[in-house]
PDB file of N, CA and C in Angstrom:
ATOM      1  N   MET A   1     -12.683-157.707 173.807  1.00  0.00           N
ATOM      2  CA  MET A   1     -13.555-157.822 172.709  1.00  0.00           C
ATOM      3  C   MET A   1     -15.062-157.596 173.223  1.00  0.00           C
ATOM      4  N   VAL A   2     -15.840-156.829 172.615  1.00  0.00           N
ATOM      5  CA  VAL A   2     -17.215-156.610 173.003  1.00  0.00           C
ATOM      6  C   VAL A   2     -18.134-157.084 171.807  1.00  0.00           C
ATOM      7  N   ILE A   3     -19.065-157.903 172.196  1.00  0.00           N
ATOM      8  CA  ILE A   3     -20.048-158.422 171.176  1.00  0.00           C
ATOM      9  C   ILE A   3     -21.436-157.769 171.459  1.00  0.00           C
ATOM     10  N   TYR A   4     -21.952-157.058 170.476  1.00  0.00           N
ATOM     11  CA  TYR A   4     -23.246-156.494 170.635  1.00  0.00           C
ATOM     12  C   TYR A   4     -24.212-157.393 169.912  1.00  0.00           C
ATOM     13  N   THR A   5     -25.138-158.011 170.565  1.00  0.00           N
ATOM     14  CA  THR A   5     -26.164-158.939 170.015  1.00  0.00           C
ATOM     15  C   THR A   5     -27.428-158.940 170.778  1.00  0.00           C
ATOM     16  N   VAL A   6     -28.493-159.371 170.168  1.00  0.00           N
ATOM     17  CA  VAL A   6     -29.745-159.549 170.911  1.00  0.00           C
ATOM     18  C   VAL A   6     -29.906-160.903 171.400  1.00  0.00           C
ATOM     19  N   LEU A   7     -28.992-161.855 170.987  1.00  0.00           N
ATOM     20  CA  LEU A   7     -29.069-163.197 171.428  1.00  0.00           C
ATOM     21  C   LEU A   7     -28.540-163.434 172.755  1.00  0.00           C
ATOM     22  N   PRO A   8     -28.976-164.396 173.564  1.00  0.00           N
ATOM     23  CA  PRO A   8     -28.468-164.620 174.888  1.00  0.00           C
ATOM     24  C   PRO A   8     -26.953-165.149 174.705  1.00  0.00           C
ATOM     25  N   PRO A   9     -26.138-164.792 175.766  1.00  0.00           N
ATOM     26  CA  PRO A   9     -24.683-165.121 175.745  1.00  0.00           C
ATOM     27  C   PRO A   9     -24.490-166.624 175.473  1.00  0.00           C
ATOM     28  N   ASP A  10     -25.252-167.428 176.202  1.00  0.00           N
ATOM     29  CA  ASP A  10     -24.976-168.871 175.871  1.00  0.00           C
ATOM     30  C   ASP A  10     -25.112-169.367 174.546  1.00  0.00           C
ATOM     31  N   GLN A  11     -26.098-168.710 173.716  1.00  0.00           N
ATOM     32  CA  GLN A  11     -26.222-169.049 172.339  1.00  0.00           C
ATOM     33  C   GLN A  11     -25.043-168.506 171.529  1.00  0.00           C
ATOM     34  N   VAL A  12     -24.558-167.374 171.829  1.00  0.00           N
ATOM     35  CA  VAL A  12     -23.500-166.777 171.060  1.00  0.00           C
ATOM     36  C   VAL A  12     -22.196-167.555 171.350  1.00  0.00           C
ATOM     37  N   MET A  13     -21.955-167.838 172.509  1.00  0.00           N
ATOM     38  CA  MET A  13     -20.684-168.421 172.911  1.00  0.00           C
ATOM     39  C   MET A  13     -20.698-170.009 172.736  1.00  0.00           C
ATOM     40  N   GLY A  14     -21.826-170.662 172.373  1.00  0.00           N
ATOM     41  CA  GLY A  14     -21.914-171.993 172.149  1.00  0.00           C
ATOM     42  C   GLY A  14     -21.947-172.822 173.335  1.00  0.00           C
ATOM     43  N   GLN A  15     -22.410-172.287 174.474  1.00  0.00           N
ATOM     44  CA  GLN A  15     -22.358-173.160 175.711  1.00  0.00           C
ATOM     45  C   GLN A  15     -23.802-173.740 175.984  1.00  0.00           C
ATOM     46  N   GLY A  16     -24.700-173.448 175.067  1.00  0.00           N
ATOM     47  CA  GLY A  16     -26.051-174.023 175.373  1.00  0.00           C
ATOM     48  C   GLY A  16     -26.135-175.459 175.199  1.00  0.00           C
ATOM     49  N   GLU A  17     -27.144-176.153 175.822  1.00  0.00           N
ATOM     50  CA  GLU A  17     -27.297-177.585 175.654  1.00  0.00           C
ATOM     51  C   GLU A  17     -27.721-177.942 174.324  1.00  0.00           C
ATOM     52  N   ARG A  18     -27.082-178.927 173.677  1.00  0.00           N
ATOM     53  CA  ARG A  18     -27.507-179.385 172.415  1.00  0.00           C
ATOM     54  C   ARG A  18     -27.544-180.896 172.339  1.00  0.00           C
ATOM     55  N   GLU A  19     -28.519-181.389 171.586  1.00  0.00           N
ATOM     56  CA  GLU A  19     -28.562-182.842 171.438  1.00  0.00           C
ATOM     57  C   GLU A  19     -27.609-183.300 170.389  1.00  0.00           C
ATOM     58  N   GLU A  20     -26.883-184.355 170.689  1.00  0.00           N
ATOM     59  CA  GLU A  20     -25.948-184.944 169.789  1.00  0.00           C
ATOM     60  C   GLU A  20     -26.643-185.410 168.461  1.00  0.00           C
ATOM     61  N   PRO A  21     -26.117-185.054 167.321  1.00  0.00           N
ATOM     62  CA  PRO A  21     -26.702-185.559 166.027  1.00  0.00           C
ATOM     63  C   PRO A  21     -26.541-187.039 165.923  1.00  0.00           C
ATOM     64  N   HIS A  22     -27.495-187.666 165.272  1.00  0.00           N
ATOM     65  CA  HIS A  22     -27.593-189.106 165.069  1.00  0.00           C
ATOM     66  C   HIS A  22     -27.094-189.269 163.593  1.00  0.00           C
ATOM     67  N   TYR A  23     -25.910-189.579 163.366  1.00  0.00           N
ATOM     68  CA  TYR A  23     -25.366-189.840 162.034  1.00  0.00           C
ATOM     69  C   TYR A  23     -25.306-191.301 161.713  1.00  0.00           C
ATOM     70  N   PHE A  24     -25.551-191.615 160.474  1.00  0.00           N
ATOM     71  CA  PHE A  24     -25.264-192.992 160.014  1.00  0.00           C
ATOM     72  C   PHE A  24     -24.935-192.938 158.580  1.00  0.00           C
ATOM     73  N   THR A  25     -24.320-194.089 158.121  1.00  0.00           N
ATOM     74  CA  THR A  25     -23.830-194.210 156.735  1.00  0.00           C
ATOM     75  C   THR A  25     -24.635-195.197 155.976  1.00  0.00           C
ATOM     76  N   ILE A  26     -24.984-194.842 154.757  1.00  0.00           N
ATOM     77  CA  ILE A  26     -25.740-195.821 153.950  1.00  0.00           C
ATOM     78  C   ILE A  26     -25.226-195.778 152.558  1.00  0.00           C
ATOM     79  N   GLU A  27     -25.603-196.799 151.856  1.00  0.00           N
ATOM     80  CA  GLU A  27     -25.277-196.804 150.347  1.00  0.00           C
ATOM     81  C   GLU A  27     -26.536-196.769 149.586  1.00  0.00           C
ATOM     82  N   MET A  28     -26.731-195.777 148.750  1.00  0.00           N
ATOM     83  CA  MET A  28     -27.939-195.639 147.994  1.00  0.00           C
ATOM     84  C   MET A  28     -27.610-195.202 146.600  1.00  0.00           C
ATOM     85  N   ASP A  29     -28.180-195.757 145.595  1.00  0.00           N
ATOM     86  CA  ASP A  29     -27.900-195.449 144.184  1.00  0.00           C
ATOM     87  C   ASP A  29     -26.389-195.751 143.834  1.00  0.00           C
ATOM     88  N   GLY A  30     -25.791-196.578 144.511  1.00  0.00           N
ATOM     89  CA  GLY A  30     -24.363-196.833 144.320  1.00  0.00           C
ATOM     90  C   GLY A  30     -23.384-195.726 144.882  1.00  0.00           C
ATOM     91  N   LYS A  31     -23.923-194.950 145.677  1.00  0.00           N
ATOM     92  CA  LYS A  31     -23.179-193.835 146.308  1.00  0.00           C
ATOM     93  C   LYS A  31     -23.217-194.034 147.796  1.00  0.00           C
ATOM     94  N   THR A  32     -22.166-193.554 148.555  1.00  0.00           N
ATOM     95  CA  THR A  32     -22.142-193.647 149.950  1.00  0.00           C
ATOM     96  C   THR A  32     -22.463-192.179 150.572  1.00  0.00           C
ATOM     97  N   PHE A  33     -23.436-192.245 151.488  1.00  0.00           N
ATOM     98  CA  PHE A  33     -23.942-191.040 152.063  1.00  0.00           C
ATOM     99  C   PHE A  33     -23.772-191.111 153.589  1.00  0.00           C
ATOM    100  N   VAL A  34     -23.460-190.036 154.212  1.00  0.00           N
ATOM    101  CA  VAL A  34     -23.575-189.813 155.688  1.00  0.00           C
ATOM    102  C   VAL A  34     -24.918-189.132 155.802  1.00  0.00           C
ATOM    103  N   MET A  35     -25.760-189.662 156.637  1.00  0.00           N
ATOM    104  CA  MET A  35     -27.057-189.135 156.878  1.00  0.00           C
ATOM    105  C   MET A  35     -27.367-188.789 158.348  1.00  0.00           C
ATOM    106  N   GLU A  36     -28.285-187.927 158.626  1.00  0.00           N
ATOM    107  CA  GLU A  36     -28.638-187.465 159.985  1.00  0.00           C
ATOM    108  C   GLU A  36     -30.072-187.656 160.149  1.00  0.00           C
ATOM    109  N   LEU A  37     -30.467-188.309 161.319  1.00  0.00           N
ATOM    110  CA  LEU A  37     -31.966-188.330 161.552  1.00  0.00           C
ATOM    111  C   LEU A  37     -32.305-187.014 162.162  1.00  0.00           C
ATOM    112  N   VAL A  38     -33.371-186.351 161.614  1.00  0.00           N
ATOM    113  CA  VAL A  38     -33.840-185.033 162.081  1.00  0.00           C
ATOM    114  C   VAL A  38     -35.399-185.066 162.152  1.00  0.00           C
ATOM    115  N   ASN A  39     -35.939-185.033 163.245  1.00  0.00           N
ATOM    116  CA  ASN A  39     -37.353-185.081 163.433  1.00  0.00           C
ATOM    117  C   ASN A  39     -38.021-186.230 162.757  1.00  0.00           C
ATOM    118  N   GLY A  40     -37.499-187.438 162.728  1.00  0.00           N
ATOM    119  CA  GLY A  40     -38.052-188.607 162.168  1.00  0.00           C
ATOM    120  C   GLY A  40     -37.841-188.783 160.671  1.00  0.00           C
ATOM    121  N   SER A  41     -37.089-187.821 160.081  1.00  0.00           N
ATOM    122  CA  SER A  41     -36.672-188.035 158.653  1.00  0.00           C
ATOM    123  C   SER A  41     -35.193-187.946 158.530  1.00  0.00           C
ATOM    124  N   ALA A  42     -34.666-188.384 157.391  1.00  0.00           N
ATOM    125  CA  ALA A  42     -33.243-188.443 157.073  1.00  0.00           C
ATOM    126  C   ALA A  42     -32.832-187.218 156.231  1.00  0.00           C
ATOM    127  N   ARG A  43     -31.755-186.724 156.582  1.00  0.00           N
ATOM    128  CA  ARG A  43     -31.198-185.546 155.871  1.00  0.00           C
ATOM    129  C   ARG A  43     -29.776-185.834 155.444  1.00  0.00           C
ATOM    130  N   ILE A  44     -29.356-185.562 154.144  1.00  0.00           N
ATOM    131  CA  ILE A  44     -28.077-185.873 153.688  1.00  0.00           C
ATOM    132  C   ILE A  44     -27.097-184.864 154.337  1.00  0.00           C
ATOM    133  N   VAL A  45     -25.992-185.331 155.025  1.00  0.00           N
ATOM    134  CA  VAL A  45     -24.910-184.585 155.586  1.00  0.00           C
ATOM    135  C   VAL A  45     -23.800-184.447 154.592  1.00  0.00           C
ATOM    136  N   ARG A  46     -23.410-185.639 153.987  1.00  0.00           N
ATOM    137  CA  ARG A  46     -22.184-185.682 153.224  1.00  0.00           C
ATOM    138  C   ARG A  46     -22.321-186.791 152.226  1.00  0.00           C
ATOM    139  N   LEU A  47     -21.789-186.599 151.056  1.00  0.00           N
ATOM    140  CA  LEU A  47     -21.689-187.483 150.007  1.00  0.00           C
ATOM    141  C   LEU A  47     -20.179-187.976 149.906  1.00  0.00           C
ATOM    142  N   VAL A  48     -19.852-189.286 149.906  1.00  0.00           N
ATOM    143  CA  VAL A  48     -18.635-189.737 149.789  1.00  0.00           C
ATOM    144  C   VAL A  48     -18.531-190.402 148.489  1.00  0.00           C
ATOM    145  N   SER A  49     -17.699-189.871 147.537  1.00  0.00           N
ATOM    146  CA  SER A  49     -17.578-190.412 146.194  1.00  0.00           C
ATOM    147  C   SER A  49     -16.214-189.947 145.623  1.00  0.00           C
ATOM    148  N   THR A  50     -15.722-190.765 144.702  1.00  0.00           N
ATOM    149  CA  THR A  50     -14.514-190.368 143.910  1.00  0.00           C
ATOM    150  C   THR A  50     -14.783-189.886 142.567  1.00  0.00           C
ATOM    151  N   ASN A  51     -16.150-189.947 142.226  1.00  0.00           N
ATOM    152  CA  ASN A  51     -16.495-189.369 140.979  1.00  0.00           C
ATOM    153  C   ASN A  51     -17.015-187.950 141.123  1.00  0.00           C
ATOM    154  N   PRO A  52     -16.316-187.009 140.539  1.00  0.00           N
ATOM    155  CA  PRO A  52     -16.620-185.545 140.671  1.00  0.00           C
ATOM    156  C   PRO A  52     -18.053-185.207 140.243  1.00  0.00           C
ATOM    157  N   SER A  53     -18.558-185.941 139.145  1.00  0.00           N
ATOM    158  CA  SER A  53     -19.862-185.582 138.718  1.00  0.00           C
ATOM    159  C   SER A  53     -21.006-186.023 139.682  1.00  0.00           C
ATOM    160  N   ASP A  54     -20.741-186.863 140.636  1.00  0.00           N
ATOM    161  CA  ASP A  54     -21.692-187.143 141.693  1.00  0.00           C
ATOM    162  C   ASP A  54     -22.014-185.910 142.518  1.00  0.00           C
ATOM    163  N   TYR A  55     -21.133-185.021 142.747  1.00  0.00           N
ATOM    164  CA  TYR A  55     -21.273-183.853 143.564  1.00  0.00           C
ATOM    165  C   TYR A  55     -22.107-182.768 142.761  1.00  0.00           C
ATOM    166  N   LEU A  56     -22.335-182.933 141.501  1.00  0.00           N
ATOM    167  CA  LEU A  56     -23.092-181.898 140.836  1.00  0.00           C
ATOM    168  C   LEU A  56     -24.543-182.213 140.706  1.00  0.00           C
ATOM    169  N   ASN A  57     -24.982-183.391 141.152  1.00  0.00           N
ATOM    170  CA  ASN A  57     -26.390-183.813 141.109  1.00  0.00           C
ATOM    171  C   ASN A  57     -27.070-183.209 142.268  1.00  0.00           C
ATOM    172  N   PRO A  58     -28.098-182.234 141.986  1.00  0.00           N
ATOM    173  CA  PRO A  58     -28.890-181.626 143.105  1.00  0.00           C
ATOM    174  C   PRO A  58     -29.635-182.551 143.976  1.00  0.00           C
ATOM    175  N   GLU A  59     -29.928-183.727 143.507  1.00  0.00           N
ATOM    176  CA  GLU A  59     -30.640-184.719 144.365  1.00  0.00           C
ATOM    177  C   GLU A  59     -29.764-185.261 145.476  1.00  0.00           C
ATOM    178  N   TRP A  60     -28.534-185.148 145.356  1.00  0.00           N
ATOM    179  CA  TRP A  60     -27.599-185.664 146.440  1.00  0.00           C
ATOM    180  C   TRP A  60     -26.891-184.597 147.184  1.00  0.00           C
ATOM    181  N   GLN A  61     -27.385-183.299 147.125  1.00  0.00           N
ATOM    182  CA  GLN A  61     -26.734-182.220 147.918  1.00  0.00           C
ATOM    183  C   GLN A  61     -27.004-182.285 149.424  1.00  0.00           C
ATOM    184  N   PRO A  62     -25.977-181.834 150.167  1.00  0.00           N
ATOM    185  CA  PRO A  62     -26.208-181.833 151.562  1.00  0.00           C
ATOM    186  C   PRO A  62     -27.411-180.989 151.983  1.00  0.00           C
ATOM    187  N   GLY A  63     -28.105-181.390 152.956  1.00  0.00           N
ATOM    188  CA  GLY A  63     -29.218-180.682 153.432  1.00  0.00           C
ATOM    189  C   GLY A  63     -30.569-181.153 152.888  1.00  0.00           C
ATOM    190  N   LYS A  64     -30.459-182.032 151.863  1.00  0.00           N
ATOM    191  CA  LYS A  64     -31.747-182.513 151.195  1.00  0.00           C
ATOM    192  C   LYS A  64     -32.306-183.650 152.052  1.00  0.00           C
ATOM    193  N   GLN A  65     -33.725-183.524 152.196  1.00  0.00           N
ATOM    194  CA  GLN A  65     -34.380-184.600 152.876  1.00  0.00           C
ATOM    195  C   GLN A  65     -34.543-185.800 152.018  1.00  0.00           C
ATOM    196  N   VAL A  66     -34.461-186.953 152.558  1.00  0.00           N
ATOM    197  CA  VAL A  66     -34.396-188.209 151.745  1.00  0.00           C
ATOM    198  C   VAL A  66     -35.430-189.174 152.365  1.00  0.00           C
ATOM    199  N   GLY A  67     -36.334-189.739 151.681  1.00  0.00           N
ATOM    200  CA  GLY A  67     -37.254-190.734 152.252  1.00  0.00           C
ATOM    201  C   GLY A  67     -36.766-192.138 151.831  1.00  0.00           C
ATOM    202  N   PHE A  68     -36.735-193.032 152.849  1.00  0.00           N
ATOM    203  CA  PHE A  68     -36.465-194.424 152.568  1.00  0.00           C
ATOM    204  C   PHE A  68     -36.860-195.232 153.803  1.00  0.00           C
ATOM    205  N   THR A  69     -36.895-196.560 153.814  1.00  0.00           N
ATOM    206  CA  THR A  69     -37.323-197.334 154.847  1.00  0.00           C
ATOM    207  C   THR A  69     -36.123-197.946 155.563  1.00  0.00           C
ATOM    208  N   ILE A  70     -36.107-197.840 156.921  1.00  0.00           N
ATOM    209  CA  ILE A  70     -35.024-198.453 157.647  1.00  0.00           C
ATOM    210  C   ILE A  70     -35.695-199.590 158.398  1.00  0.00           C
ATOM    211  N   PRO A  71     -35.245-200.869 158.006  1.00  0.00           N
ATOM    212  CA  PRO A  71     -35.922-202.044 158.739  1.00  0.00           C
ATOM    213  C   PRO A  71     -35.604-201.995 160.151  1.00  0.00           C
ATOM    214  N   GLY A  72     -36.641-202.077 161.096  1.00  0.00           N
ATOM    215  CA  GLY A  72     -36.479-202.002 162.432  1.00  0.00           C
ATOM    216  C   GLY A  72     -36.062-200.583 162.928  1.00  0.00           C
ATOM    217  N   GLY A  73     -36.274-199.572 162.038  1.00  0.00           N
ATOM    218  CA  GLY A  73     -35.776-198.206 162.455  1.00  0.00           C
ATOM    219  C   GLY A  73     -36.911-197.522 163.302  1.00  0.00           C
ATOM    220  N   PRO A  74     -36.678-196.375 163.630  1.00  0.00           N
ATOM    221  CA  PRO A  74     -37.666-195.519 164.513  1.00  0.00           C
ATOM    222  C   PRO A  74     -38.849-195.165 163.556  1.00  0.00           C
ATOM    223  N   PRO A  75     -39.978-195.106 164.187  1.00  0.00           N
ATOM    224  CA  PRO A  75     -41.203-194.758 163.508  1.00  0.00           C
ATOM    225  C   PRO A  75     -41.116-193.355 162.842  1.00  0.00           C
ATOM    226  N   GLY A  76     -41.686-193.175 161.626  1.00  0.00           N
ATOM    227  CA  GLY A  76     -41.619-191.938 160.968  1.00  0.00           C
ATOM    228  C   GLY A  76     -40.579-191.877 159.866  1.00  0.00           C
ATOM    229  N   VAL A  77     -39.668-192.855 159.829  1.00  0.00           N
ATOM    230  CA  VAL A  77     -38.683-192.786 158.781  1.00  0.00           C
ATOM    231  C   VAL A  77     -39.225-193.895 157.770  1.00  0.00           C
ATOM    232  N   HIS A  78     -39.648-193.451 156.643  1.00  0.00           N
ATOM    233  CA  HIS A  78     -40.084-194.312 155.552  1.00  0.00           C
ATOM    234  C   HIS A  78     -39.017-194.656 154.583  1.00  0.00           C
TER     235      HIS A  78
END
């Protein structure tokens, strides 16, 4: 198989060095979320709910940046 690309081979083949994601689980608004710390802010990775209507709320969609305070957390997360 031949791959024609302008990207370096290590990027295409996934062998580049990557920082491990920092996931944590919180409960907010009665919902359980899996969050990721990205550049000092929190991003929703996954919503865990048995209520199908929870997944229709755009405020809780994956990728959305969320602001909240983590007691004793890293600076920059409010």
